[in-house]
Amino acid sequence: MNTTQNVAYVLWMLAAGAAMGAVFDWYNTIATSLRLLRHLRPLCDLAFWVASAICVYLLTFRTIDGEFRIWTLVLVAAGYGLYRVTLRRRVIRGAFAVVAAIRFVARIVRRTMEVLIVWPLRLAARVALAILGVLYRAGVWLEDVVCRILAVAFAVVSFPVRRYIRRDAAWRKKLAAWQEDLWQRASNWLIQSRGQAR
């Protein structure tokens, strides 16, 4: 392996370590800050480590023909340390800026959805309730009118026979007297039959 390959190997491993640190800080900050993504952190961690391992393997394959050495881990760790000393704060600030932008866009989208969907639905519900209230009151009024008309019509139709259906009609008095006489006779008959049986 010549000097050019060695230099390329060292530089690529340092860059890989720095990139891994930047990507980890980036998605970790965003996933921690946004409540919706907190549950996805374990999945993101798994994807990050798998992608990092594949990336390091491909870089070693490209630079030193896939020979994995202990120096690979040392150089990746050194690249991460170099990133941590130099760029970490800027990357985290950038991630927080992305979180702020996402929250701002989410607020705008939520507000737009409220204005375009929720408010019209509320207005439509209020209008529908008002119309239903008016229809209900009109239906009650119409029912009252129809009942009064039917009461007047019934009074007109039943006028000729009204004297026969009153409470003090003669036939009612006769029927009541007949019922009383019937039950009196039945009672007397039962008393007499009981006396004869003894």
N, C-alpha and C. Protein backbone atom coordinates (compact mmCIF):
# COMPACT_ATOMS: atom_id res chain seq x y z
N MET A 1 0.87 -1.19 0.00
CA MET A 1 0.00 0.00 0.00
C MET A 1 0.90 1.23 0.00
N ASN A 2 0.68 2.15 -0.94
CA ASN A 2 1.56 3.31 -1.06
C ASN A 2 1.10 4.45 -0.16
N THR A 3 1.88 5.53 -0.19
CA THR A 3 1.63 6.67 0.69
C THR A 3 0.31 7.35 0.35
N THR A 4 0.00 7.44 -0.92
CA THR A 4 -1.26 8.07 -1.32
C THR A 4 -2.45 7.32 -0.75
N GLN A 5 -2.39 6.01 -0.80
CA GLN A 5 -3.48 5.22 -0.23
C GLN A 5 -3.58 5.42 1.28
N ASN A 6 -2.41 5.47 1.93
CA ASN A 6 -2.42 5.68 3.38
C ASN A 6 -3.01 7.04 3.75
N VAL A 7 -2.61 8.06 3.02
CA VAL A 7 -3.13 9.41 3.30
C VAL A 7 -4.63 9.45 3.04
N ALA A 8 -5.07 8.85 1.93
CA ALA A 8 -6.50 8.82 1.62
C ALA A 8 -7.26 8.04 2.70
N TYR A 9 -6.67 6.93 3.16
CA TYR A 9 -7.30 6.12 4.21
C TYR A 9 -7.47 6.94 5.49
N VAL A 10 -6.40 7.63 5.89
CA VAL A 10 -6.46 8.43 7.13
C VAL A 10 -7.49 9.55 6.99
N LEU A 11 -7.44 10.26 5.87
CA LEU A 11 -8.38 11.38 5.69
C LEU A 11 -9.83 10.91 5.62
N TRP A 12 -10.08 9.80 4.90
CA TRP A 12 -11.45 9.29 4.79
C TRP A 12 -11.96 8.79 6.14
N MET A 13 -11.13 8.15 6.93
CA MET A 13 -11.58 7.66 8.24
C MET A 13 -11.86 8.83 9.19
N LEU A 14 -10.99 9.87 9.14
CA LEU A 14 -11.25 11.06 9.96
C LEU A 14 -12.56 11.73 9.53
N ALA A 15 -12.75 11.83 8.21
CA ALA A 15 -14.00 12.44 7.69
C ALA A 15 -15.20 11.59 8.07
N ALA A 16 -15.05 10.26 8.03
CA ALA A 16 -16.16 9.39 8.40
C ALA A 16 -16.52 9.56 9.87
N GLY A 17 -15.52 9.65 10.75
CA GLY A 17 -15.78 9.87 12.18
C GLY A 17 -16.48 11.20 12.42
N ALA A 18 -16.02 12.25 11.74
CA ALA A 18 -16.64 13.57 11.89
C ALA A 18 -18.07 13.56 11.36
N ALA A 19 -18.26 12.91 10.20
CA ALA A 19 -19.61 12.85 9.61
C ALA A 19 -20.55 12.05 10.51
N MET A 20 -20.05 10.96 11.09
CA MET A 20 -20.89 10.17 11.99
C MET A 20 -21.30 10.99 13.21
N GLY A 21 -20.36 11.75 13.76
CA GLY A 21 -20.70 12.60 14.90
C GLY A 21 -21.72 13.67 14.53
N ALA A 22 -21.53 14.29 13.36
CA ALA A 22 -22.45 15.35 12.92
C ALA A 22 -23.85 14.78 12.68
N VAL A 23 -23.93 13.65 11.99
CA VAL A 23 -25.23 13.05 11.70
C VAL A 23 -25.92 12.63 13.00
N PHE A 24 -25.15 12.02 13.92
CA PHE A 24 -25.75 11.59 15.18
C PHE A 24 -26.29 12.78 15.97
N ASP A 25 -25.47 13.83 16.10
CA ASP A 25 -25.94 15.01 16.85
C ASP A 25 -27.14 15.65 16.17
N TRP A 26 -27.12 15.66 14.86
CA TRP A 26 -28.20 16.29 14.09
C TRP A 26 -29.54 15.59 14.33
N TYR A 27 -29.58 14.28 14.05
CA TYR A 27 -30.88 13.61 14.19
C TYR A 27 -31.26 13.42 15.66
N ASN A 28 -30.26 13.27 16.54
CA ASN A 28 -30.57 13.10 17.96
C ASN A 28 -31.19 14.38 18.53
N THR A 29 -30.65 15.53 18.16
CA THR A 29 -31.21 16.80 18.63
C THR A 29 -32.62 17.00 18.11
N ILE A 30 -32.83 16.73 16.83
CA ILE A 30 -34.16 16.90 16.24
C ILE A 30 -35.15 15.91 16.84
N ALA A 31 -34.75 14.65 16.98
CA ALA A 31 -35.67 13.63 17.52
C ALA A 31 -36.00 13.89 18.98
N THR A 32 -35.04 14.43 19.74
CA THR A 32 -35.30 14.73 21.15
C THR A 32 -36.19 15.95 21.30
N SER A 33 -36.04 16.92 20.42
CA SER A 33 -36.80 18.17 20.54
C SER A 33 -38.23 18.05 20.08
N LEU A 34 -38.49 17.20 19.11
CA LEU A 34 -39.85 17.06 18.58
C LEU A 34 -40.53 15.87 19.23
N ARG A 35 -41.63 16.13 19.90
CA ARG A 35 -42.35 15.10 20.64
C ARG A 35 -42.79 13.94 19.74
N LEU A 36 -43.14 14.27 18.50
CA LEU A 36 -43.64 13.24 17.58
C LEU A 36 -42.56 12.22 17.22
N LEU A 37 -41.29 12.65 17.22
CA LEU A 37 -40.20 11.77 16.78
C LEU A 37 -39.51 11.05 17.92
N ARG A 38 -39.86 11.35 19.18
CA ARG A 38 -39.17 10.71 20.31
C ARG A 38 -39.33 9.20 20.30
N HIS A 39 -40.48 8.73 19.87
CA HIS A 39 -40.70 7.28 19.85
C HIS A 39 -39.92 6.59 18.74
N LEU A 40 -39.45 7.37 17.77
CA LEU A 40 -38.70 6.78 16.65
C LEU A 40 -37.19 6.74 16.90
N ARG A 41 -36.74 7.25 18.07
CA ARG A 41 -35.29 7.30 18.32
C ARG A 41 -34.62 5.94 18.28
N PRO A 42 -35.17 4.90 18.90
CA PRO A 42 -34.48 3.60 18.80
C PRO A 42 -34.33 3.11 17.36
N LEU A 43 -35.35 3.33 16.56
CA LEU A 43 -35.28 2.94 15.15
C LEU A 43 -34.23 3.77 14.41
N CYS A 44 -34.19 5.07 14.71
CA CYS A 44 -33.18 5.95 14.10
C CYS A 44 -31.78 5.54 14.52
N ASP A 45 -31.60 5.18 15.80
CA ASP A 45 -30.27 4.73 16.27
C ASP A 45 -29.83 3.47 15.53
N LEU A 46 -30.73 2.52 15.39
CA LEU A 46 -30.40 1.28 14.68
C LEU A 46 -30.01 1.58 13.23
N ALA A 47 -30.81 2.41 12.56
CA ALA A 47 -30.50 2.76 11.16
C ALA A 47 -29.16 3.50 11.08
N PHE A 48 -28.88 4.37 12.05
CA PHE A 48 -27.63 5.12 12.04
C PHE A 48 -26.43 4.19 12.16
N TRP A 49 -26.46 3.24 13.10
CA TRP A 49 -25.31 2.37 13.29
C TRP A 49 -25.12 1.41 12.12
N VAL A 50 -26.21 0.94 11.55
CA VAL A 50 -26.08 0.07 10.37
C VAL A 50 -25.49 0.85 9.19
N ALA A 51 -26.01 2.06 8.97
CA ALA A 51 -25.49 2.88 7.86
C ALA A 51 -24.03 3.27 8.10
N SER A 52 -23.68 3.57 9.35
CA SER A 52 -22.28 3.93 9.66
C SER A 52 -21.35 2.75 9.40
N ALA A 53 -21.75 1.56 9.83
CA ALA A 53 -20.90 0.38 9.61
C ALA A 53 -20.71 0.12 8.12
N ILE A 54 -21.80 0.23 7.35
CA ILE A 54 -21.68 0.01 5.90
C ILE A 54 -20.78 1.07 5.27
N CYS A 55 -20.94 2.31 5.72
CA CYS A 55 -20.13 3.41 5.16
C CYS A 55 -18.65 3.21 5.45
N VAL A 56 -18.31 2.85 6.70
CA VAL A 56 -16.90 2.63 7.06
C VAL A 56 -16.34 1.45 6.27
N TYR A 57 -17.11 0.39 6.12
CA TYR A 57 -16.63 -0.76 5.36
C TYR A 57 -16.38 -0.37 3.90
N LEU A 58 -17.31 0.38 3.31
CA LEU A 58 -17.12 0.79 1.91
C LEU A 58 -15.90 1.69 1.75
N LEU A 59 -15.68 2.57 2.73
CA LEU A 59 -14.51 3.45 2.65
C LEU A 59 -13.20 2.66 2.79
N THR A 60 -13.18 1.68 3.70
CA THR A 60 -11.97 0.85 3.81
C THR A 60 -11.78 0.02 2.54
N PHE A 61 -12.85 -0.43 1.95
CA PHE A 61 -12.74 -1.20 0.71
C PHE A 61 -12.18 -0.33 -0.41
N ARG A 62 -12.60 0.94 -0.42
CA ARG A 62 -12.15 1.85 -1.49
C ARG A 62 -10.69 2.28 -1.28
N THR A 63 -10.30 2.49 -0.04
CA THR A 63 -8.96 3.04 0.19
C THR A 63 -7.89 1.97 0.40
N ILE A 64 -8.18 0.92 1.20
CA ILE A 64 -7.15 -0.09 1.49
C ILE A 64 -7.64 -1.50 1.16
N ASP A 65 -8.46 -1.60 0.15
CA ASP A 65 -8.93 -2.88 -0.38
C ASP A 65 -9.68 -3.72 0.65
N GLY A 66 -10.41 -3.06 1.53
CA GLY A 66 -11.29 -3.76 2.47
C GLY A 66 -10.60 -4.37 3.66
N GLU A 67 -9.30 -4.08 3.88
CA GLU A 67 -8.61 -4.62 5.06
C GLU A 67 -9.03 -3.80 6.27
N PHE A 68 -9.65 -4.45 7.20
CA PHE A 68 -10.10 -3.73 8.40
C PHE A 68 -8.99 -3.83 9.44
N ARG A 69 -8.52 -2.67 9.91
CA ARG A 69 -7.46 -2.63 10.89
C ARG A 69 -7.95 -1.94 12.15
N ILE A 70 -7.20 -2.12 13.23
CA ILE A 70 -7.56 -1.44 14.48
C ILE A 70 -7.44 0.06 14.32
N TRP A 71 -6.58 0.48 13.40
CA TRP A 71 -6.42 1.92 13.14
C TRP A 71 -7.69 2.54 12.57
N THR A 72 -8.51 1.73 11.96
CA THR A 72 -9.77 2.24 11.42
C THR A 72 -10.63 2.81 12.54
N LEU A 73 -10.76 2.04 13.62
CA LEU A 73 -11.56 2.52 14.76
C LEU A 73 -10.92 3.72 15.42
N VAL A 74 -9.57 3.70 15.54
CA VAL A 74 -8.86 4.83 16.16
C VAL A 74 -9.05 6.09 15.33
N LEU A 75 -8.95 5.97 14.00
CA LEU A 75 -9.10 7.14 13.13
C LEU A 75 -10.54 7.66 13.13
N VAL A 76 -11.51 6.74 13.16
CA VAL A 76 -12.91 7.16 13.22
C VAL A 76 -13.16 7.90 14.53
N ALA A 77 -12.63 7.37 15.64
CA ALA A 77 -12.78 8.03 16.94
C ALA A 77 -12.07 9.38 16.95
N ALA A 78 -10.92 9.46 16.32
CA ALA A 78 -10.19 10.74 16.24
C ALA A 78 -10.98 11.75 15.41
N GLY A 79 -11.59 11.29 14.31
CA GLY A 79 -12.42 12.18 13.50
C GLY A 79 -13.61 12.69 14.28
N TYR A 80 -14.21 11.80 15.08
CA TYR A 80 -15.33 12.22 15.93
C TYR A 80 -14.87 13.25 16.97
N GLY A 81 -13.68 12.99 17.57
CA GLY A 81 -13.16 13.94 18.56
C GLY A 81 -12.85 15.29 17.92
N LEU A 82 -12.29 15.27 16.72
CA LEU A 82 -12.01 16.51 16.01
C LEU A 82 -13.29 17.28 15.70
N TYR A 83 -14.31 16.55 15.27
CA TYR A 83 -15.62 17.18 15.03
C TYR A 83 -16.17 17.78 16.32
N ARG A 84 -16.06 17.03 17.41
CA ARG A 84 -16.62 17.47 18.69
C ARG A 84 -15.96 18.76 19.15
N VAL A 85 -14.69 18.90 18.91
CA VAL A 85 -13.96 20.10 19.34
C VAL A 85 -14.28 21.29 18.43
N THR A 86 -14.48 21.05 17.14
CA THR A 86 -14.58 22.16 16.20
C THR A 86 -16.01 22.52 15.78
N LEU A 87 -16.79 21.56 15.36
CA LEU A 87 -18.06 21.88 14.69
C LEU A 87 -19.33 21.50 15.46
N ARG A 88 -19.18 20.84 16.60
CA ARG A 88 -20.37 20.29 17.27
C ARG A 88 -21.38 21.36 17.63
N ARG A 89 -20.95 22.47 18.19
CA ARG A 89 -21.90 23.52 18.60
C ARG A 89 -22.66 24.08 17.40
N ARG A 90 -21.95 24.26 16.31
CA ARG A 90 -22.62 24.80 15.11
C ARG A 90 -23.64 23.80 14.57
N VAL A 91 -23.29 22.52 14.58
CA VAL A 91 -24.22 21.50 14.08
C VAL A 91 -25.46 21.45 14.96
N ILE A 92 -25.26 21.49 16.28
CA ILE A 92 -26.41 21.45 17.20
C ILE A 92 -27.25 22.71 17.05
N ARG A 93 -26.60 23.87 16.91
CA ARG A 93 -27.37 25.11 16.66
C ARG A 93 -28.16 25.00 15.36
N GLY A 94 -27.54 24.42 14.34
CA GLY A 94 -28.25 24.22 13.07
C GLY A 94 -29.44 23.27 13.24
N ALA A 95 -29.25 22.22 14.06
CA ALA A 95 -30.36 21.29 14.30
C ALA A 95 -31.50 21.99 15.03
N PHE A 96 -31.16 22.83 16.02
CA PHE A 96 -32.21 23.59 16.72
C PHE A 96 -32.90 24.58 15.78
N ALA A 97 -32.13 25.14 14.83
CA ALA A 97 -32.75 26.02 13.83
C ALA A 97 -33.74 25.23 12.97
N VAL A 98 -33.36 24.01 12.62
CA VAL A 98 -34.27 23.16 11.85
C VAL A 98 -35.53 22.84 12.66
N VAL A 99 -35.35 22.55 13.97
CA VAL A 99 -36.50 22.27 14.84
C VAL A 99 -37.41 23.48 14.90
N ALA A 100 -36.80 24.67 15.06
CA ALA A 100 -37.61 25.90 15.11
C ALA A 100 -38.35 26.10 13.79
N ALA A 101 -37.67 25.83 12.68
CA ALA A 101 -38.33 25.99 11.37
C ALA A 101 -39.47 24.98 11.22
N ILE A 102 -39.25 23.73 11.67
CA ILE A 102 -40.31 22.72 11.59
C ILE A 102 -41.50 23.14 12.43
N ARG A 103 -41.22 23.62 13.65
CA ARG A 103 -42.33 24.06 14.52
C ARG A 103 -43.07 25.25 13.91
N PHE A 104 -42.32 26.17 13.31
CA PHE A 104 -42.94 27.34 12.67
C PHE A 104 -43.84 26.90 11.52
N VAL A 105 -43.31 25.99 10.69
CA VAL A 105 -44.11 25.49 9.56
C VAL A 105 -45.32 24.72 10.06
N ALA A 106 -45.12 23.93 11.14
CA ALA A 106 -46.25 23.16 11.69
C ALA A 106 -47.33 24.10 12.22
N ARG A 107 -46.91 25.21 12.88
CA ARG A 107 -47.89 26.18 13.36
C ARG A 107 -48.65 26.82 12.21
N ILE A 108 -47.92 27.16 11.15
CA ILE A 108 -48.57 27.77 9.98
C ILE A 108 -49.55 26.78 9.35
N VAL A 109 -49.12 25.51 9.21
CA VAL A 109 -50.00 24.49 8.62
C VAL A 109 -51.23 24.28 9.49
N ARG A 110 -51.01 24.20 10.82
CA ARG A 110 -52.15 23.99 11.73
C ARG A 110 -53.12 25.17 11.67
N ARG A 111 -52.56 26.38 11.65
CA ARG A 111 -53.42 27.56 11.59
C ARG A 111 -54.17 27.60 10.26
N THR A 112 -53.48 27.27 9.17
CA THR A 112 -54.13 27.25 7.86
C THR A 112 -55.25 26.21 7.82
N MET A 113 -54.98 25.03 8.40
CA MET A 113 -56.01 23.98 8.44
C MET A 113 -57.20 24.44 9.28
N GLU A 114 -56.92 25.16 10.38
CA GLU A 114 -58.02 25.69 11.18
C GLU A 114 -58.87 26.65 10.36
N VAL A 115 -58.19 27.57 9.67
CA VAL A 115 -58.92 28.58 8.91
C VAL A 115 -59.67 27.95 7.74
N LEU A 116 -59.04 27.00 7.05
CA LEU A 116 -59.65 26.44 5.84
C LEU A 116 -60.63 25.30 6.11
N ILE A 117 -60.45 24.57 7.23
CA ILE A 117 -61.31 23.40 7.46
C ILE A 117 -62.13 23.53 8.74
N VAL A 118 -61.46 23.81 9.87
CA VAL A 118 -62.16 23.78 11.16
C VAL A 118 -63.18 24.90 11.26
N TRP A 119 -62.76 26.12 10.94
CA TRP A 119 -63.69 27.26 11.04
C TRP A 119 -64.89 27.09 10.12
N PRO A 120 -64.71 26.71 8.84
CA PRO A 120 -65.90 26.49 8.00
C PRO A 120 -66.80 25.37 8.53
N LEU A 121 -66.20 24.31 9.07
CA LEU A 121 -67.03 23.24 9.63
C LEU A 121 -67.81 23.73 10.84
N ARG A 122 -67.16 24.52 11.70
CA ARG A 122 -67.88 25.08 12.85
C ARG A 122 -69.00 25.99 12.39
N LEU A 123 -68.70 26.84 11.41
CA LEU A 123 -69.73 27.75 10.89
C LEU A 123 -70.88 26.95 10.27
N ALA A 124 -70.55 25.92 9.51
CA ALA A 124 -71.59 25.09 8.90
C ALA A 124 -72.43 24.39 9.98
N ALA A 125 -71.77 23.93 11.05
CA ALA A 125 -72.51 23.28 12.14
C ALA A 125 -73.44 24.28 12.83
N ARG A 126 -72.95 25.50 13.05
CA ARG A 126 -73.80 26.52 13.69
C ARG A 126 -74.99 26.88 12.81
N VAL A 127 -74.72 27.03 11.51
CA VAL A 127 -75.81 27.36 10.58
C VAL A 127 -76.82 26.22 10.54
N ALA A 128 -76.31 24.96 10.49
CA ALA A 128 -77.21 23.81 10.46
C ALA A 128 -78.05 23.73 11.73
N LEU A 129 -77.42 24.00 12.88
CA LEU A 129 -78.17 23.98 14.14
C LEU A 129 -79.22 25.09 14.17
N ALA A 130 -78.84 26.28 13.65
CA ALA A 130 -79.82 27.37 13.61
C ALA A 130 -80.99 27.02 12.70
N ILE A 131 -80.69 26.45 11.54
CA ILE A 131 -81.76 26.07 10.61
C ILE A 131 -82.65 24.99 11.23
N LEU A 132 -82.01 24.00 11.89
CA LEU A 132 -82.79 22.95 12.54
C LEU A 132 -83.66 23.52 13.66
N GLY A 133 -83.13 24.52 14.40
CA GLY A 133 -83.95 25.16 15.43
C GLY A 133 -85.16 25.87 14.85
N VAL A 134 -84.93 26.59 13.74
CA VAL A 134 -86.05 27.28 13.08
C VAL A 134 -87.07 26.26 12.57
N LEU A 135 -86.56 25.18 11.95
CA LEU A 135 -87.47 24.15 11.43
C LEU A 135 -88.25 23.49 12.57
N TYR A 136 -87.59 23.27 13.72
CA TYR A 136 -88.27 22.66 14.85
C TYR A 136 -89.39 23.58 15.36
N ARG A 137 -89.06 24.87 15.51
CA ARG A 137 -90.10 25.81 15.97
C ARG A 137 -91.25 25.90 14.97
N ALA A 138 -90.91 25.90 13.66
CA ALA A 138 -91.96 25.93 12.64
C ALA A 138 -92.80 24.66 12.69
N GLY A 139 -92.16 23.50 12.93
CA GLY A 139 -92.90 22.26 13.05
C GLY A 139 -93.83 22.24 14.26
N VAL A 140 -93.35 22.79 15.39
CA VAL A 140 -94.20 22.86 16.59
C VAL A 140 -95.40 23.77 16.32
N TRP A 141 -95.13 24.93 15.69
CA TRP A 141 -96.23 25.86 15.37
C TRP A 141 -97.23 25.20 14.42
N LEU A 142 -96.71 24.50 13.40
CA LEU A 142 -97.58 23.83 12.44
C LEU A 142 -98.40 22.73 13.13
N GLU A 143 -97.77 22.01 14.05
CA GLU A 143 -98.50 20.97 14.78
C GLU A 143 -99.62 21.59 15.61
N ASP A 144 -99.33 22.71 16.27
CA ASP A 144 -100.38 23.39 17.05
C ASP A 144 -101.54 23.82 16.16
N VAL A 145 -101.22 24.38 14.99
CA VAL A 145 -102.26 24.83 14.06
C VAL A 145 -103.11 23.65 13.60
N VAL A 146 -102.43 22.55 13.22
CA VAL A 146 -103.16 21.37 12.74
C VAL A 146 -104.04 20.80 13.85
N CYS A 147 -103.52 20.75 15.08
CA CYS A 147 -104.32 20.23 16.20
C CYS A 147 -105.54 21.11 16.47
N ARG A 148 -105.38 22.42 16.37
CA ARG A 148 -106.53 23.32 16.56
C ARG A 148 -107.56 23.14 15.47
N ILE A 149 -107.06 23.01 14.22
CA ILE A 149 -108.00 22.80 13.11
C ILE A 149 -108.76 21.49 13.30
N LEU A 150 -108.02 20.43 13.71
CA LEU A 150 -108.68 19.14 13.93
C LEU A 150 -109.65 19.21 15.10
N ALA A 151 -109.30 19.98 16.15
CA ALA A 151 -110.22 20.12 17.29
C ALA A 151 -111.51 20.82 16.87
N VAL A 152 -111.35 21.88 16.05
CA VAL A 152 -112.54 22.59 15.56
C VAL A 152 -113.36 21.68 14.66
N ALA A 153 -112.69 20.95 13.77
CA ALA A 153 -113.41 20.04 12.85
C ALA A 153 -114.12 18.96 13.64
N PHE A 154 -113.47 18.41 14.67
CA PHE A 154 -114.10 17.38 15.48
C PHE A 154 -115.30 17.95 16.23
N ALA A 155 -115.15 19.19 16.72
CA ALA A 155 -116.27 19.82 17.43
C ALA A 155 -117.45 20.02 16.49
N VAL A 156 -117.16 20.42 15.24
CA VAL A 156 -118.24 20.63 14.27
C VAL A 156 -118.89 19.30 13.90
N VAL A 157 -118.07 18.28 13.65
CA VAL A 157 -118.60 16.99 13.23
C VAL A 157 -119.37 16.32 14.37
N SER A 158 -118.87 16.44 15.57
CA SER A 158 -119.50 15.74 16.70
C SER A 158 -120.64 16.55 17.35
N PHE A 159 -120.96 17.72 16.80
CA PHE A 159 -122.00 18.55 17.41
C PHE A 159 -123.35 17.83 17.52
N PRO A 160 -123.79 17.12 16.46
CA PRO A 160 -125.12 16.47 16.57
C PRO A 160 -125.18 15.37 17.64
N VAL A 161 -124.07 14.71 17.89
CA VAL A 161 -124.10 13.60 18.85
C VAL A 161 -123.46 13.97 20.18
N ARG A 162 -123.14 15.25 20.36
CA ARG A 162 -122.43 15.64 21.57
C ARG A 162 -123.27 15.41 22.82
N ARG A 163 -124.56 15.62 22.74
CA ARG A 163 -125.38 15.44 23.95
C ARG A 163 -125.46 13.99 24.37
N TYR A 164 -125.18 13.06 23.42
CA TYR A 164 -125.21 11.64 23.77
C TYR A 164 -123.90 11.14 24.40
N ILE A 165 -122.83 11.89 24.21
CA ILE A 165 -121.54 11.42 24.74
C ILE A 165 -121.08 12.22 25.94
N ARG A 166 -121.93 13.14 26.43
CA ARG A 166 -121.55 13.88 27.64
C ARG A 166 -121.56 12.95 28.83
N ARG A 167 -120.93 13.38 29.92
CA ARG A 167 -120.87 12.57 31.13
C ARG A 167 -122.26 12.42 31.79
N ASP A 168 -123.07 13.45 31.63
CA ASP A 168 -124.39 13.38 32.27
C ASP A 168 -125.49 12.95 31.29
N ALA A 169 -125.09 12.24 30.20
CA ALA A 169 -126.08 11.75 29.24
C ALA A 169 -126.97 10.70 29.90
N ALA A 170 -128.23 10.63 29.45
CA ALA A 170 -129.23 9.73 30.06
C ALA A 170 -128.83 8.27 29.90
N TRP A 171 -128.31 7.90 28.75
CA TRP A 171 -127.97 6.50 28.53
C TRP A 171 -126.85 6.05 29.46
N ARG A 172 -125.95 6.98 29.81
CA ARG A 172 -124.88 6.63 30.76
C ARG A 172 -125.47 6.34 32.13
N LYS A 173 -126.45 7.17 32.54
CA LYS A 173 -127.09 6.94 33.83
C LYS A 173 -127.83 5.59 33.85
N LYS A 174 -128.51 5.28 32.74
CA LYS A 174 -129.22 4.01 32.65
C LYS A 174 -128.25 2.83 32.70
N LEU A 175 -127.14 2.95 31.96
CA LEU A 175 -126.14 1.88 31.94
C LEU A 175 -125.56 1.67 33.33
N ALA A 176 -125.23 2.74 34.02
CA ALA A 176 -124.69 2.63 35.37
C ALA A 176 -125.69 1.96 36.31
N ALA A 177 -126.98 2.35 36.20
CA ALA A 177 -128.02 1.74 37.05
C ALA A 177 -128.17 0.27 36.73
N TRP A 178 -128.13 -0.08 35.43
CA TRP A 178 -128.27 -1.47 35.03
C TRP A 178 -127.11 -2.32 35.56
N GLN A 179 -125.87 -1.77 35.47
CA GLN A 179 -124.71 -2.48 35.99
C GLN A 179 -124.83 -2.69 37.50
N GLU A 180 -125.27 -1.66 38.18
CA GLU A 180 -125.41 -1.78 39.63
C GLU A 180 -126.46 -2.84 39.98
N ASP A 181 -127.56 -2.85 39.26
CA ASP A 181 -128.61 -3.84 39.50
C ASP A 181 -128.10 -5.25 39.20
N LEU A 182 -127.34 -5.41 38.12
CA LEU A 182 -126.79 -6.72 37.75
C LEU A 182 -125.88 -7.26 38.84
N TRP A 183 -124.98 -6.43 39.31
CA TRP A 183 -124.04 -6.88 40.34
C TRP A 183 -124.74 -7.14 41.68
N GLN A 184 -125.77 -6.36 41.95
CA GLN A 184 -126.54 -6.59 43.18
C GLN A 184 -127.23 -7.96 43.12
N ARG A 185 -127.87 -8.29 41.98
CA ARG A 185 -128.53 -9.59 41.82
C ARG A 185 -127.54 -10.74 41.91
N ALA A 186 -126.35 -10.55 41.27
CA ALA A 186 -125.33 -11.60 41.33
C ALA A 186 -124.87 -11.82 42.76
N SER A 187 -124.71 -10.75 43.50
CA SER A 187 -124.29 -10.85 44.89
C SER A 187 -125.34 -11.56 45.74
N ASN A 188 -126.63 -11.18 45.53
CA ASN A 188 -127.70 -11.84 46.28
C ASN A 188 -127.79 -13.32 45.95
N TRP A 189 -127.60 -13.67 44.72
CA TRP A 189 -127.66 -15.06 44.29
C TRP A 189 -126.56 -15.87 44.95
N LEU A 190 -125.31 -15.29 45.01
CA LEU A 190 -124.20 -15.98 45.65
C LEU A 190 -124.46 -16.18 47.14
N ILE A 191 -125.03 -15.18 47.79
CA ILE A 191 -125.31 -15.30 49.22
C ILE A 191 -126.35 -16.39 49.47
N GLN A 192 -127.42 -16.42 48.63
CA GLN A 192 -128.47 -17.43 48.79
C GLN A 192 -127.95 -18.84 48.53
N SER A 193 -127.13 -19.00 47.50
CA SER A 193 -126.60 -20.33 47.17
C SER A 193 -125.66 -20.81 48.27
N ARG A 194 -124.94 -19.94 48.89
CA ARG A 194 -124.07 -20.34 49.99
C ARG A 194 -124.88 -20.76 51.21
N GLY A 195 -125.99 -20.01 51.45
CA GLY A 195 -126.87 -20.35 52.61
C GLY A 195 -127.54 -21.70 52.41
N GLN A 196 -127.94 -22.04 51.19
CA GLN A 196 -128.61 -23.31 50.93
C GLN A 196 -127.64 -24.48 51.02
N ALA A 197 -126.34 -24.21 50.67
CA ALA A 197 -125.36 -25.28 50.72
C ALA A 197 -125.10 -25.71 52.16
N ARG A 198 -125.29 -24.84 53.14
CA ARG A 198 -125.08 -25.22 54.54
C ARG A 198 -126.24 -26.00 55.02
